[in-house]
Amino acid sequence: MSVLPQHKYPIKSILHHNALITCRQRACFLRAAATTTTSTRTEPAQNQNKLFLEPRLVNQPSLVVTTPTDISLPPTLNDPSLKSTWAHRAWMACGSTTVLISLAKSVAGAADSHSWLEPVLAGFVGYILADLGSGVYHWGIDNYGDESTPVFGSQIEAFQGHHKWPWVITRRQFSNNLHALARAIALFMIPVDLLCNDPTTHGFVSICAGCIMFSQQFHAWAHSTKSKLPPLVVALQDSGVLVSRSQHGAHHRAPYNNNYCIVSGVWNEYLDKQQVFEALEMVLFFKLGVRPRSWDEPNSEWIEESETTSTQVMMP
């Protein structure tokens, strides 16, 4: 006897089986929905984190370089730093007095001994060596150190800034320009004046010290136009007694490593042809590992700005 289909697969069992399938599908759908919901919530968080980190990749130093506060400007014509103070004048008076006392002792001693040749020759040697000393000193502060260097820092900063704005030295008042050298000369000359009476020694010391003390004024005259200088100064420059404008002007042109002497300039040709300063730079480099500034390519600190250009830059 054959069995009917409904007996072989009872309806109750079929319904129960279908119900289980439906439940399983719903469970799978819920799990899939939960998974989809989780993924849609976590992805924006990850994207948000990525967007938060991207601004940190901006190159900030380029913005700092272009800020106006980092741009150095030359002093204005009425800048107080160019004017003489009573302290400057006092040191200038002290330095000049000690030099004149030494010169007077030399003249008085030569007159008493009736011997003028030795004091005069000693004074000439002092004049020649003062020019050499000014060149060595000028070379040193142009090429080594910075404003933080002990003792010489302010002079180093002034000389290096002088390459960018050389006309500023012609705007400095007399004692403002010379007081630093006058102070050093006064402190050196006081014991010499008190302890020494030899006319030959005083002939050498007084001329050498006087030329060194006034070397910055000779330097300022070398940056002035001929029409603004006294005729006597122009005559001394043209005769070679004082450093000329054309000779010192070569120092302010590339490669900025020659014509350092600023009293008479008599040593410049010899020192440059013999490459004396270049040899000293090599010695210092191999012994101490210090590079002179003249070995680097000239940058904006060495490029001269005219007075007109600097005035236009300072205008708002």
Protein backbone atom coordinates (compact mmCIF):
# COMPACT_ATOMS: atom_id res chain seq x y z
CA MET A 1 0.00 0.00 0.00
CA SER A 2 1.38 3.30 -0.98
CA VAL A 3 1.97 6.13 1.49
CA LEU A 4 0.55 9.55 0.70
CA PRO A 5 2.97 12.46 0.56
CA GLN A 6 1.43 14.15 3.53
CA HIS A 7 2.11 11.12 5.57
CA LYS A 8 5.67 10.85 4.36
CA TYR A 9 6.35 14.55 5.12
CA PRO A 10 3.86 15.58 7.82
CA ILE A 11 2.60 19.21 7.52
CA LYS A 12 3.54 19.94 11.12
CA SER A 13 7.13 19.00 10.55
CA ILE A 14 7.31 21.05 7.40
CA LEU A 15 5.94 24.13 9.15
CA HIS A 16 8.36 23.65 12.02
CA HIS A 17 11.25 23.34 9.61
CA ASN A 18 10.24 26.48 7.76
CA ALA A 19 9.96 28.37 11.01
CA LEU A 20 13.51 27.39 11.97
CA ILE A 21 14.79 28.54 8.60
CA THR A 22 13.03 31.87 8.98
CA CYS A 23 14.48 32.42 12.45
CA ARG A 24 17.95 31.60 11.26
CA GLN A 25 17.61 34.03 8.34
CA ARG A 26 16.42 36.76 10.69
CA ALA A 27 19.36 36.10 13.01
CA CYS A 28 21.76 36.28 10.10
CA PHE A 29 20.15 39.51 8.93
CA LEU A 30 20.42 41.02 12.38
CA ARG A 31 24.08 40.03 12.62
CA ALA A 32 24.74 41.46 9.20
CA ALA A 33 22.91 44.64 10.10
CA ALA A 34 24.85 44.91 13.35
CA THR A 35 28.08 44.38 11.48
CA THR A 36 27.14 46.96 8.91
CA THR A 37 26.10 49.42 11.59
CA THR A 38 29.38 48.95 13.45
CA SER A 39 31.43 49.44 10.35
CA THR A 40 29.59 52.60 9.40
CA ARG A 41 30.20 54.03 12.88
CA THR A 42 33.87 53.18 13.07
CA GLU A 43 34.90 54.38 9.60
CA PRO A 44 34.04 58.05 10.18
CA ALA A 45 36.03 57.96 13.43
CA GLN A 46 39.05 56.67 11.54
CA ASN A 47 38.62 59.31 8.84
CA GLN A 48 38.20 62.00 11.48
CA ASN A 49 41.50 60.97 13.10
CA LYS A 50 43.26 61.16 9.75
CA LEU A 51 41.92 64.64 9.09
CA PHE A 52 43.03 65.77 12.54
CA LEU A 53 46.63 64.69 11.90
CA GLU A 54 47.02 66.27 8.47
CA PRO A 55 47.53 69.91 9.62
CA ARG A 56 50.62 68.86 11.55
CA LEU A 57 52.41 68.28 8.25
CA VAL A 58 52.46 72.01 7.43
CA ASN A 59 56.01 73.41 7.23
CA GLN A 60 55.99 76.05 9.96
CA PRO A 61 59.63 77.30 9.70
CA SER A 62 58.92 78.86 6.30
CA LEU A 63 56.34 81.08 7.97
CA VAL A 64 58.76 82.13 10.72
CA VAL A 65 61.41 83.22 8.23
CA THR A 66 59.09 85.64 6.48
CA THR A 67 57.86 87.43 9.61
CA PRO A 68 58.76 91.12 9.67
CA THR A 69 60.26 90.87 13.15
CA ASP A 70 63.19 88.84 11.80
CA ILE A 71 64.18 91.45 9.22
CA SER A 72 66.98 93.66 10.50
CA LEU A 73 66.79 97.31 9.60
CA PRO A 74 69.49 99.97 9.53
CA PRO A 75 69.42 102.75 12.13
CA THR A 76 67.53 105.87 11.18
CA LEU A 77 69.28 109.19 10.78
CA ASN A 78 68.02 110.37 14.18
CA ASP A 79 68.71 107.09 15.92
CA PRO A 80 70.05 107.64 19.48
CA SER A 81 72.64 104.91 18.88
CA LEU A 82 74.43 107.26 16.44
CA LYS A 83 74.68 110.17 18.89
CA SER A 84 77.47 110.85 21.37
CA THR A 85 76.79 110.65 25.08
CA TRP A 86 78.67 112.37 27.90
CA ALA A 87 80.32 109.05 28.70
CA HIS A 88 81.57 108.82 25.10
CA ARG A 89 82.96 112.35 25.30
CA ALA A 90 84.62 111.65 28.64
CA TRP A 91 86.45 108.60 27.31
CA MET A 92 87.44 110.53 24.20
CA ALA A 93 88.89 113.28 26.37
CA CYS A 94 90.79 110.76 28.50
CA GLY A 95 92.24 108.96 25.50
CA SER A 96 93.29 112.17 23.76
CA THR A 97 94.86 113.53 26.95
CA THR A 98 97.00 110.45 27.53
CA VAL A 99 98.22 110.51 23.92
CA LEU A 100 99.06 114.22 24.09
CA ILE A 101 100.96 113.74 27.38
CA SER A 102 103.06 111.02 25.77
CA LEU A 103 103.73 113.16 22.69
CA ALA A 104 104.68 116.12 24.88
CA LYS A 105 107.13 113.97 26.83
CA SER A 106 108.72 112.84 23.57
CA VAL A 107 109.10 116.40 22.27
CA ALA A 108 110.42 117.68 25.61
CA GLY A 109 112.92 114.84 25.91
CA ALA A 110 114.16 115.32 22.34
CA ALA A 111 114.56 119.05 22.93
CA ASP A 112 116.54 118.50 26.13
CA SER A 113 118.85 115.94 24.53
CA HIS A 114 119.04 117.79 21.21
CA SER A 115 118.40 114.48 19.52
CA TRP A 116 115.38 114.49 17.23
CA LEU A 117 116.22 111.69 14.83
CA GLU A 118 115.40 108.73 17.05
CA PRO A 119 112.02 110.02 18.34
CA VAL A 120 110.98 111.01 14.81
CA LEU A 121 111.94 107.62 13.36
CA ALA A 122 110.19 105.91 16.26
CA GLY A 123 107.04 107.93 15.53
CA PHE A 124 107.20 106.96 11.84
CA VAL A 125 107.52 103.28 12.77
CA GLY A 126 104.54 103.68 15.10
CA TYR A 127 102.52 105.17 12.23
CA ILE A 128 103.41 102.26 9.91
CA LEU A 129 102.67 99.59 12.51
CA ALA A 130 99.37 101.22 13.44
CA ASP A 131 98.18 100.62 9.88
CA LEU A 132 99.26 96.98 10.09
CA GLY A 133 97.56 96.57 13.46
CA SER A 134 94.32 98.04 12.13
CA GLY A 135 94.38 95.53 9.27
CA VAL A 136 94.95 92.52 11.50
CA TYR A 137 92.23 93.63 13.89
CA HIS A 138 89.80 94.41 11.06
CA TRP A 139 90.46 91.01 9.46
CA GLY A 140 89.84 89.23 12.76
CA ILE A 141 86.51 90.79 13.64
CA ASP A 142 85.27 90.59 10.04
CA ASN A 143 85.84 86.84 9.87
CA TYR A 144 85.51 85.37 13.35
CA GLY A 145 83.05 85.54 16.21
CA ASP A 146 79.65 87.16 16.55
CA GLU A 147 77.74 89.46 18.90
CA SER A 148 77.96 86.86 21.70
CA THR A 149 81.79 86.81 21.69
CA PRO A 150 83.16 88.04 25.04
CA VAL A 151 84.77 91.52 25.12
CA PHE A 152 84.71 92.01 21.33
CA GLY A 153 81.09 91.04 20.63
CA SER A 154 79.71 94.56 20.18
CA GLN A 155 82.57 95.55 17.85
CA ILE A 156 82.18 92.36 15.82
CA GLU A 157 78.47 93.02 15.40
CA ALA A 158 79.13 96.63 14.40
CA PHE A 159 81.81 95.79 11.81
CA GLN A 160 79.78 92.98 10.26
CA GLY A 161 76.69 95.18 10.07
CA HIS A 162 78.92 97.87 8.54
CA HIS A 163 79.25 95.74 5.40
CA LYS A 164 75.51 95.94 4.80
CA TRP A 165 75.10 99.63 5.67
CA PRO A 166 78.55 101.25 5.28
CA TRP A 167 77.06 104.74 5.05
CA VAL A 168 75.97 104.54 8.72
CA ILE A 169 79.53 105.22 9.90
CA THR A 170 79.38 108.65 8.26
CA ARG A 171 76.29 109.47 10.34
CA ARG A 172 77.87 108.65 13.69
CA GLN A 173 78.91 111.56 15.82
CA PHE A 174 82.61 111.94 16.53
CA SER A 175 82.83 110.61 20.10
CA ASN A 176 80.23 107.93 19.40
CA ASN A 177 82.46 106.55 16.66
CA LEU A 178 85.73 106.67 18.60
CA HIS A 179 84.91 106.15 22.29
CA ALA A 180 85.55 102.37 22.35
CA LEU A 181 89.08 102.74 20.98
CA ALA A 182 89.67 105.84 23.14
CA ARG A 183 88.80 103.84 26.27
CA ALA A 184 91.28 101.09 25.38
CA ILE A 185 94.00 103.62 24.54
CA ALA A 186 93.46 105.54 27.78
CA LEU A 187 93.75 102.42 29.92
CA PHE A 188 96.94 101.42 28.09
CA MET A 189 98.58 104.87 28.05
CA ILE A 190 98.08 105.88 31.69
CA PRO A 191 100.80 103.54 33.10
CA VAL A 192 103.09 104.37 30.15
CA ASP A 193 102.79 108.10 30.86
CA LEU A 194 103.44 107.56 34.57
CA LEU A 195 106.35 105.13 34.36
CA CYS A 196 108.27 106.02 31.20
CA ASN A 197 110.35 109.12 30.40
CA ASP A 198 112.25 107.95 27.33
CA PRO A 199 111.56 110.30 24.38
CA THR A 200 112.07 107.60 21.76
CA THR A 201 109.60 105.26 23.45
CA HIS A 202 107.06 108.04 23.79
CA GLY A 203 107.61 108.99 20.14
CA PHE A 204 106.66 105.49 19.06
CA VAL A 205 103.81 104.95 21.54
CA SER A 206 102.14 108.33 21.12
CA ILE A 207 101.95 108.19 17.31
CA CYS A 208 100.96 104.53 17.19
CA ALA A 209 98.28 104.91 19.87
CA GLY A 210 96.97 108.11 18.34
CA CYS A 211 96.62 106.56 14.87
CA ILE A 212 94.84 103.54 16.30
CA MET A 213 92.47 105.71 18.33
CA PHE A 214 91.56 107.84 15.31
CA SER A 215 91.51 104.94 12.82
CA GLN A 216 87.72 104.77 12.95
CA GLN A 217 87.57 108.44 11.94
CA PHE A 218 89.93 107.74 9.02
CA HIS A 219 87.60 104.85 8.20
CA ALA A 220 84.55 107.14 8.23
CA TRP A 221 86.31 109.64 5.94
CA ALA A 222 87.00 106.79 3.50
CA HIS A 223 83.23 106.34 3.17
CA SER A 224 82.45 110.04 2.69
CA THR A 225 82.20 111.81 -0.63
CA LYS A 226 84.96 114.24 -1.51
CA SER A 227 82.59 117.20 -1.52
CA LYS A 228 81.72 116.61 2.15
CA LEU A 229 85.33 116.32 3.37
CA PRO A 230 87.65 119.15 4.44
CA PRO A 231 90.27 119.98 1.77
CA LEU A 232 93.09 118.92 4.12
CA VAL A 233 91.58 115.45 4.55
CA VAL A 234 91.17 115.08 0.79
CA ALA A 235 94.80 116.07 0.29
CA LEU A 236 95.98 113.54 2.90
CA GLN A 237 93.92 110.80 1.23
CA ASP A 238 95.21 111.64 -2.24
CA SER A 239 98.81 111.64 -1.01
CA GLY A 240 98.44 108.27 0.73
CA VAL A 241 98.88 109.54 4.29
CA LEU A 242 95.32 108.44 5.06
CA VAL A 243 93.49 105.50 3.49
CA SER A 244 91.80 106.61 0.29
CA ARG A 245 88.15 106.18 -0.64
CA SER A 246 88.94 104.09 -3.73
CA GLN A 247 91.28 101.73 -1.87
CA HIS A 248 88.88 101.07 0.97
CA GLY A 249 85.97 100.82 -1.46
CA ALA A 250 87.57 97.63 -2.83
CA HIS A 251 87.11 96.05 0.60
CA HIS A 252 83.34 96.44 0.25
CA ARG A 253 83.21 94.54 -3.04
CA ALA A 254 83.30 90.76 -3.54
CA PRO A 255 85.10 88.67 -2.40
CA TYR A 256 85.34 90.91 0.73
CA ASN A 257 88.72 89.51 1.79
CA ASN A 258 91.22 92.27 1.01
CA ASN A 259 92.21 95.87 1.85
CA TYR A 260 91.66 95.47 5.59
CA CYS A 261 94.03 98.24 6.76
CA ILE A 262 92.27 101.53 7.51
CA VAL A 263 94.91 103.99 8.77
CA SER A 264 96.97 104.71 5.66
CA GLY A 265 96.38 101.51 3.69
CA VAL A 266 100.11 101.24 3.00
CA TRP A 267 100.11 97.56 3.98
CA ASN A 268 97.12 96.49 1.88
CA GLU A 269 98.93 95.78 -1.38
CA TYR A 270 101.66 93.73 0.27
CA LEU A 271 99.30 91.72 2.50
CA ASP A 272 96.97 90.93 -0.39
CA LYS A 273 99.68 89.96 -2.87
CA GLN A 274 101.46 87.74 -0.35
CA GLN A 275 98.11 86.26 0.78
CA VAL A 276 99.08 86.74 4.41
CA PHE A 277 95.55 86.62 5.75
CA GLU A 278 94.70 83.59 3.62
CA ALA A 279 97.69 81.78 5.16
CA LEU A 280 96.53 82.73 8.66
CA GLU A 281 93.05 81.45 7.86
CA MET A 282 94.45 78.09 6.78
CA VAL A 283 96.51 77.82 9.98
CA LEU A 284 93.50 78.56 12.16
CA PHE A 285 91.34 76.15 10.19
CA PHE A 286 93.74 73.19 10.42
CA LYS A 287 94.72 73.90 14.03
CA LEU A 288 91.35 74.86 15.49
CA GLY A 289 88.84 73.79 12.83
CA VAL A 290 87.41 77.34 12.57
CA ARG A 291 86.26 78.57 9.17
CA PRO A 292 86.56 82.29 8.38
CA ARG A 293 83.46 84.06 7.17
CA SER A 294 85.19 85.06 3.92
CA TRP A 295 85.24 81.41 2.78
CA ASP A 296 81.46 81.33 2.50
CA GLU A 297 79.51 82.68 -0.42
CA PRO A 298 78.49 86.29 0.24
CA ASN A 299 74.91 86.48 1.53
CA SER A 300 72.55 89.31 2.34
CA GLU A 301 74.67 90.28 5.37
CA TRP A 302 77.59 91.18 3.09
CA ILE A 303 75.66 92.81 0.24
CA GLU A 304 75.75 96.55 0.57
CA GLU A 305 72.52 98.53 0.66
CA SER A 306 72.63 102.15 -0.41
CA GLU A 307 71.30 104.84 1.87
CA THR A 308 68.41 105.49 -0.53
CA THR A 309 67.40 101.83 -0.66
CA SER A 310 67.53 101.45 3.11
CA THR A 311 65.43 104.58 3.60
CA GLN A 312 62.80 103.23 1.20
CA VAL A 313 62.70 99.93 3.08
CA MET A 314 62.09 101.71 6.40
CA MET A 315 59.22 103.80 5.01
CA PRO A 316 55.73 102.37 5.84
